[in-house]
Amino acid sequence: MPHRTRPMTALLVFTGLNVFLVSTITPVYDFVCFLPYWERRREQRRQQREVALAKGFESK
């Protein structure tokens, strides 16, 4: 074989990378999910639904 296999080193690197990724998922999730953009968009869509419902009641 051209190089030695190092299963213990590979396992430690893999585990360390996973620990790092798991420790950073909460701030990333909070940043993506709670951006003010999404809050504004949700509010705009709610207002549009209310206007559409109001127009539907007026036509009846």
PDB file of N, CA and C in Angstrom:
ATOM      1  N   MET A   1       0.843  -1.185   0.000  1.00  0.00           N
ATOM      2  CA  MET A   1       0.000   0.000   0.000  1.00  0.00           C
ATOM      3  C   MET A   1       0.887   1.248   0.000  1.00  0.00           C
ATOM      4  N   PRO A   2       0.469   2.285  -0.728  1.00  0.00           N
ATOM      5  CA  PRO A   2       1.309   3.479  -0.813  1.00  0.00           C
ATOM      6  C   PRO A   2       1.340   4.295   0.474  1.00  0.00           C
ATOM      7  N   HIS A   3       0.371   4.134   1.335  1.00  0.00           N
ATOM      8  CA  HIS A   3       0.368   4.880   2.594  1.00  0.00           C
ATOM      9  C   HIS A   3      -0.254   4.013   3.687  1.00  0.00           C
ATOM     10  N   ARG A   4       0.013   4.413   4.911  1.00  0.00           N
ATOM     11  CA  ARG A   4      -0.534   3.661   6.031  1.00  0.00           C
ATOM     12  C   ARG A   4      -1.952   4.141   6.312  1.00  0.00           C
ATOM     13  N   THR A   5      -2.790   3.218   6.673  1.00  0.00           N
ATOM     14  CA  THR A   5      -4.130   3.617   7.074  1.00  0.00           C
ATOM     15  C   THR A   5      -4.098   3.954   8.556  1.00  0.00           C
ATOM     16  N   ARG A   6      -4.797   4.982   8.935  1.00  0.00           N
ATOM     17  CA  ARG A   6      -4.831   5.422  10.328  1.00  0.00           C
ATOM     18  C   ARG A   6      -6.284   5.531  10.788  1.00  0.00           C
ATOM     19  N   PRO A   7      -6.882   4.421  11.150  1.00  0.00           N
ATOM     20  CA  PRO A   7      -8.304   4.460  11.508  1.00  0.00           C
ATOM     21  C   PRO A   7      -8.577   5.284  12.769  1.00  0.00           C
ATOM     22  N   MET A   8      -7.661   5.270  13.720  1.00  0.00           N
ATOM     23  CA  MET A   8      -7.888   6.030  14.950  1.00  0.00           C
ATOM     24  C   MET A   8      -7.867   7.534  14.671  1.00  0.00           C
ATOM     25  N   THR A   9      -6.936   7.986  13.857  1.00  0.00           N
ATOM     26  CA  THR A   9      -6.867   9.402  13.498  1.00  0.00           C
ATOM     27  C   THR A   9      -8.123   9.809  12.729  1.00  0.00           C
ATOM     28  N   ALA A  10      -8.539   8.986  11.797  1.00  0.00           N
ATOM     29  CA  ALA A  10      -9.742   9.285  11.024  1.00  0.00           C
ATOM     30  C   ALA A  10     -10.966   9.349  11.933  1.00  0.00           C
ATOM     31  N   LEU A  11     -11.048   8.432  12.868  1.00  0.00           N
ATOM     32  CA  LEU A  11     -12.182   8.435  13.801  1.00  0.00           C
ATOM     33  C   LEU A  11     -12.177   9.687  14.668  1.00  0.00           C
ATOM     34  N   LEU A  12     -11.021  10.098  15.157  1.00  0.00           N
ATOM     35  CA  LEU A  12     -10.941  11.296  15.985  1.00  0.00           C
ATOM     36  C   LEU A  12     -11.283  12.565  15.194  1.00  0.00           C
ATOM     37  N   VAL A  13     -10.805  12.632  13.962  1.00  0.00           N
ATOM     38  CA  VAL A  13     -11.123  13.797  13.124  1.00  0.00           C
ATOM     39  C   VAL A  13     -12.622  13.833  12.838  1.00  0.00           C
ATOM     40  N   PHE A  14     -13.188  12.706  12.489  1.00  0.00           N
ATOM     41  CA  PHE A  14     -14.625  12.618  12.204  1.00  0.00           C
ATOM     42  C   PHE A  14     -15.444  13.019  13.426  1.00  0.00           C
ATOM     43  N   THR A  15     -15.087  12.501  14.585  1.00  0.00           N
ATOM     44  CA  THR A  15     -15.808  12.821  15.819  1.00  0.00           C
ATOM     45  C   THR A  15     -15.650  14.299  16.169  1.00  0.00           C
ATOM     46  N   GLY A  16     -14.447  14.819  16.053  1.00  0.00           N
ATOM     47  CA  GLY A  16     -14.219  16.233  16.343  1.00  0.00           C
ATOM     48  C   GLY A  16     -15.009  17.143  15.424  1.00  0.00           C
ATOM     49  N   LEU A  17     -15.058  16.801  14.145  1.00  0.00           N
ATOM     50  CA  LEU A  17     -15.827  17.591  13.192  1.00  0.00           C
ATOM     51  C   LEU A  17     -17.320  17.561  13.533  1.00  0.00           C
ATOM     52  N   ASN A  18     -17.820  16.406  13.898  1.00  0.00           N
ATOM     53  CA  ASN A  18     -19.230  16.297  14.276  1.00  0.00           C
ATOM     54  C   ASN A  18     -19.533  17.094  15.538  1.00  0.00           C
ATOM     55  N   VAL A  19     -18.660  17.068  16.510  1.00  0.00           N
ATOM     56  CA  VAL A  19     -18.863  17.842  17.742  1.00  0.00           C
ATOM     57  C   VAL A  19     -18.901  19.330  17.405  1.00  0.00           C
ATOM     58  N   PHE A  20     -18.000  19.770  16.544  1.00  0.00           N
ATOM     59  CA  PHE A  20     -17.984  21.173  16.138  1.00  0.00           C
ATOM     60  C   PHE A  20     -19.274  21.566  15.424  1.00  0.00           C
ATOM     61  N   LEU A  21     -19.722  20.732  14.494  1.00  0.00           N
ATOM     62  CA  LEU A  21     -20.942  21.045  13.750  1.00  0.00           C
ATOM     63  C   LEU A  21     -22.168  21.059  14.650  1.00  0.00           C
ATOM     64  N   VAL A  22     -22.265  20.120  15.568  1.00  0.00           N
ATOM     65  CA  VAL A  22     -23.404  20.080  16.489  1.00  0.00           C
ATOM     66  C   VAL A  22     -23.400  21.296  17.403  1.00  0.00           C
ATOM     67  N   SER A  23     -22.223  21.753  17.824  1.00  0.00           N
ATOM     68  CA  SER A  23     -22.158  22.899  18.727  1.00  0.00           C
ATOM     69  C   SER A  23     -22.494  24.208  18.026  1.00  0.00           C
ATOM     70  N   THR A  24     -22.390  24.258  16.695  1.00  0.00           N
ATOM     71  CA  THR A  24     -22.687  25.495  15.977  1.00  0.00           C
ATOM     72  C   THR A  24     -24.066  25.506  15.348  1.00  0.00           C
ATOM     73  N   ILE A  25     -24.833  24.430  15.465  1.00  0.00           N
ATOM     74  CA  ILE A  25     -26.122  24.384  14.763  1.00  0.00           C
ATOM     75  C   ILE A  25     -27.155  25.325  15.390  1.00  0.00           C
ATOM     76  N   THR A  26     -27.160  25.500  16.686  1.00  0.00           N
ATOM     77  CA  THR A  26     -28.169  26.346  17.318  1.00  0.00           C
ATOM     78  C   THR A  26     -28.049  27.809  16.901  1.00  0.00           C
ATOM     79  N   PRO A  27     -26.875  28.438  16.952  1.00  0.00           N
ATOM     80  CA  PRO A  27     -26.812  29.825  16.491  1.00  0.00           C
ATOM     81  C   PRO A  27     -27.148  29.982  15.012  1.00  0.00           C
ATOM     82  N   VAL A  28     -26.750  29.015  14.197  1.00  0.00           N
ATOM     83  CA  VAL A  28     -27.053  29.090  12.763  1.00  0.00           C
ATOM     84  C   VAL A  28     -28.557  28.968  12.552  1.00  0.00           C
ATOM     85  N   TYR A  29     -29.192  28.030  13.235  1.00  0.00           N
ATOM     86  CA  TYR A  29     -30.637  27.852  13.121  1.00  0.00           C
ATOM     87  C   TYR A  29     -31.374  29.119  13.559  1.00  0.00           C
ATOM     88  N   ASP A  30     -30.970  29.689  14.681  1.00  0.00           N
ATOM     89  CA  ASP A  30     -31.608  30.911  15.168  1.00  0.00           C
ATOM     90  C   ASP A  30     -31.430  32.058  14.176  1.00  0.00           C
ATOM     91  N   PHE A  31     -30.255  32.180  13.608  1.00  0.00           N
ATOM     92  CA  PHE A  31     -29.999  33.259  12.654  1.00  0.00           C
ATOM     93  C   PHE A  31     -30.883  33.115  11.424  1.00  0.00           C
ATOM     94  N   VAL A  32     -30.980  31.903  10.892  1.00  0.00           N
ATOM     95  CA  VAL A  32     -31.746  31.688   9.665  1.00  0.00           C
ATOM     96  C   VAL A  32     -33.241  31.789   9.915  1.00  0.00           C
ATOM     97  N   CYS A  33     -33.714  31.216  11.000  1.00  0.00           N
ATOM     98  CA  CYS A  33     -35.159  31.118  11.216  1.00  0.00           C
ATOM     99  C   CYS A  33     -35.767  32.381  11.806  1.00  0.00           C
ATOM    100  N   PHE A  34     -35.001  33.186  12.487  1.00  0.00           N
ATOM    101  CA  PHE A  34     -35.576  34.344  13.159  1.00  0.00           C
ATOM    102  C   PHE A  34     -35.073  35.665  12.586  1.00  0.00           C
ATOM    103  N   LEU A  35     -34.737  35.660  11.308  1.00  0.00           N
ATOM    104  CA  LEU A  35     -34.348  36.905  10.654  1.00  0.00           C
ATOM    105  C   LEU A  35     -35.548  37.848  10.592  1.00  0.00           C
ATOM    106  N   PRO A  36     -35.330  39.140  10.741  1.00  0.00           N
ATOM    107  CA  PRO A  36     -36.452  40.084  10.618  1.00  0.00           C
ATOM    108  C   PRO A  36     -37.158  39.999   9.264  1.00  0.00           C
ATOM    109  N   TYR A  37     -36.430  39.586   8.220  1.00  0.00           N
ATOM    110  CA  TYR A  37     -37.056  39.436   6.903  1.00  0.00           C
ATOM    111  C   TYR A  37     -38.247  38.484   6.967  1.00  0.00           C
ATOM    112  N   TRP A  38     -38.060  37.348   7.628  1.00  0.00           N
ATOM    113  CA  TRP A  38     -39.140  36.363   7.686  1.00  0.00           C
ATOM    114  C   TRP A  38     -40.297  36.877   8.520  1.00  0.00           C
ATOM    115  N   GLU A  39     -39.978  37.626   9.576  1.00  0.00           N
ATOM    116  CA  GLU A  39     -41.041  38.193  10.407  1.00  0.00           C
ATOM    117  C   GLU A  39     -41.873  39.188   9.595  1.00  0.00           C
ATOM    118  N   ARG A  40     -41.208  40.059   8.833  1.00  0.00           N
ATOM    119  CA  ARG A  40     -41.933  41.025   8.004  1.00  0.00           C
ATOM    120  C   ARG A  40     -42.752  40.315   6.939  1.00  0.00           C
ATOM    121  N   ARG A  41     -42.174  39.294   6.327  1.00  0.00           N
ATOM    122  CA  ARG A  41     -42.886  38.568   5.270  1.00  0.00           C
ATOM    123  C   ARG A  41     -44.124  37.878   5.825  1.00  0.00           C
ATOM    124  N   ARG A  42     -43.994  37.281   7.007  1.00  0.00           N
ATOM    125  CA  ARG A  42     -45.139  36.623   7.619  1.00  0.00           C
ATOM    126  C   ARG A  42     -46.240  37.627   7.927  1.00  0.00           C
ATOM    127  N   GLU A  43     -45.862  38.798   8.403  1.00  0.00           N
ATOM    128  CA  GLU A  43     -46.845  39.841   8.718  1.00  0.00           C
ATOM    129  C   GLU A  43     -47.521  40.344   7.435  1.00  0.00           C
ATOM    130  N   GLN A  44     -46.752  40.524   6.370  1.00  0.00           N
ATOM    131  CA  GLN A  44     -47.342  40.962   5.101  1.00  0.00           C
ATOM    132  C   GLN A  44     -48.321  39.933   4.557  1.00  0.00           C
ATOM    133  N   ARG A  45     -47.968  38.670   4.644  1.00  0.00           N
ATOM    134  CA  ARG A  45     -48.874  37.621   4.160  1.00  0.00           C
ATOM    135  C   ARG A  45     -50.144  37.564   4.993  1.00  0.00           C
ATOM    136  N   ARG A  46     -50.033  37.780   6.300  1.00  0.00           N
ATOM    137  CA  ARG A  46     -51.215  37.797   7.157  1.00  0.00           C
ATOM    138  C   ARG A  46     -52.136  38.949   6.764  1.00  0.00           C
ATOM    139  N   GLN A  47     -51.546  40.115   6.511  1.00  0.00           N
ATOM    140  CA  GLN A  47     -52.346  41.269   6.103  1.00  0.00           C
ATOM    141  C   GLN A  47     -53.006  41.026   4.757  1.00  0.00           C
ATOM    142  N   GLN A  48     -52.302  40.393   3.841  1.00  0.00           N
ATOM    143  CA  GLN A  48     -52.893  40.098   2.534  1.00  0.00           C
ATOM    144  C   GLN A  48     -54.062  39.133   2.666  1.00  0.00           C
ATOM    145  N   ARG A  49     -53.936  38.135   3.543  1.00  0.00           N
ATOM    146  CA  ARG A  49     -55.045  37.204   3.763  1.00  0.00           C
ATOM    147  C   ARG A  49     -56.256  37.918   4.343  1.00  0.00           C
ATOM    148  N   GLU A  50     -56.000  38.830   5.294  1.00  0.00           N
ATOM    149  CA  GLU A  50     -57.108  39.568   5.900  1.00  0.00           C
ATOM    150  C   GLU A  50     -57.824  40.430   4.862  1.00  0.00           C
ATOM    151  N   VAL A  51     -57.056  41.072   3.969  1.00  0.00           N
ATOM    152  CA  VAL A  51     -57.661  41.892   2.916  1.00  0.00           C
ATOM    153  C   VAL A  51     -58.476  41.015   1.976  1.00  0.00           C
ATOM    154  N   ALA A  52     -57.940  39.866   1.616  1.00  0.00           N
ATOM    155  CA  ALA A  52     -58.654  38.964   0.716  1.00  0.00           C
ATOM    156  C   ALA A  52     -59.945  38.465   1.367  1.00  0.00           C
ATOM    157  N   LEU A  53     -59.888  38.155   2.650  1.00  0.00           N
ATOM    158  CA  LEU A  53     -61.096  37.717   3.352  1.00  0.00           C
ATOM    159  C   LEU A  53     -62.121  38.844   3.430  1.00  0.00           C
ATOM    160  N   ALA A  54     -61.666  40.036   3.693  1.00  0.00           N
ATOM    161  CA  ALA A  54     -62.571  41.200   3.784  1.00  0.00           C
ATOM    162  C   ALA A  54     -63.241  41.435   2.439  1.00  0.00           C
ATOM    163  N   LYS A  55     -62.509  41.315   1.351  1.00  0.00           N
ATOM    164  CA  LYS A  55     -63.094  41.492   0.018  1.00  0.00           C
ATOM    165  C   LYS A  55     -64.099  40.382  -0.271  1.00  0.00           C
ATOM    166  N   GLY A  56     -63.794  39.210   0.191  1.00  0.00           N
ATOM    167  CA  GLY A  56     -64.730  38.077  -0.021  1.00  0.00           C
ATOM    168  C   GLY A  56     -66.032  38.308   0.730  1.00  0.00           C
ATOM    169  N   PHE A  57     -66.010  38.869   1.909  1.00  0.00           N
ATOM    170  CA  PHE A  57     -67.220  39.130   2.681  1.00  0.00           C
ATOM    171  C   PHE A  57     -67.999  40.293   2.086  1.00  0.00           C
ATOM    172  N   GLU A  58     -67.304  41.276   1.493  1.00  0.00           N
ATOM    173  CA  GLU A  58     -67.984  42.422   0.894  1.00  0.00           C
ATOM    174  C   GLU A  58     -68.788  42.025  -0.328  1.00  0.00           C
ATOM    175  N   SER A  59     -68.285  41.068  -1.083  1.00  0.00           N
ATOM    176  CA  SER A  59     -68.976  40.680  -2.321  1.00  0.00           C
ATOM    177  C   SER A  59     -70.208  39.831  -2.071  1.00  0.00           C
ATOM    178  N   LYS A  60     -70.366  39.297  -0.874  1.00  0.00           N
ATOM    179  CA  LYS A  60     -71.522  38.427  -0.585  1.00  0.00           C
ATOM    180  C   LYS A  60     -72.741  39.223  -0.241  1.00  0.00           C
TER     181      LYS A  60
END
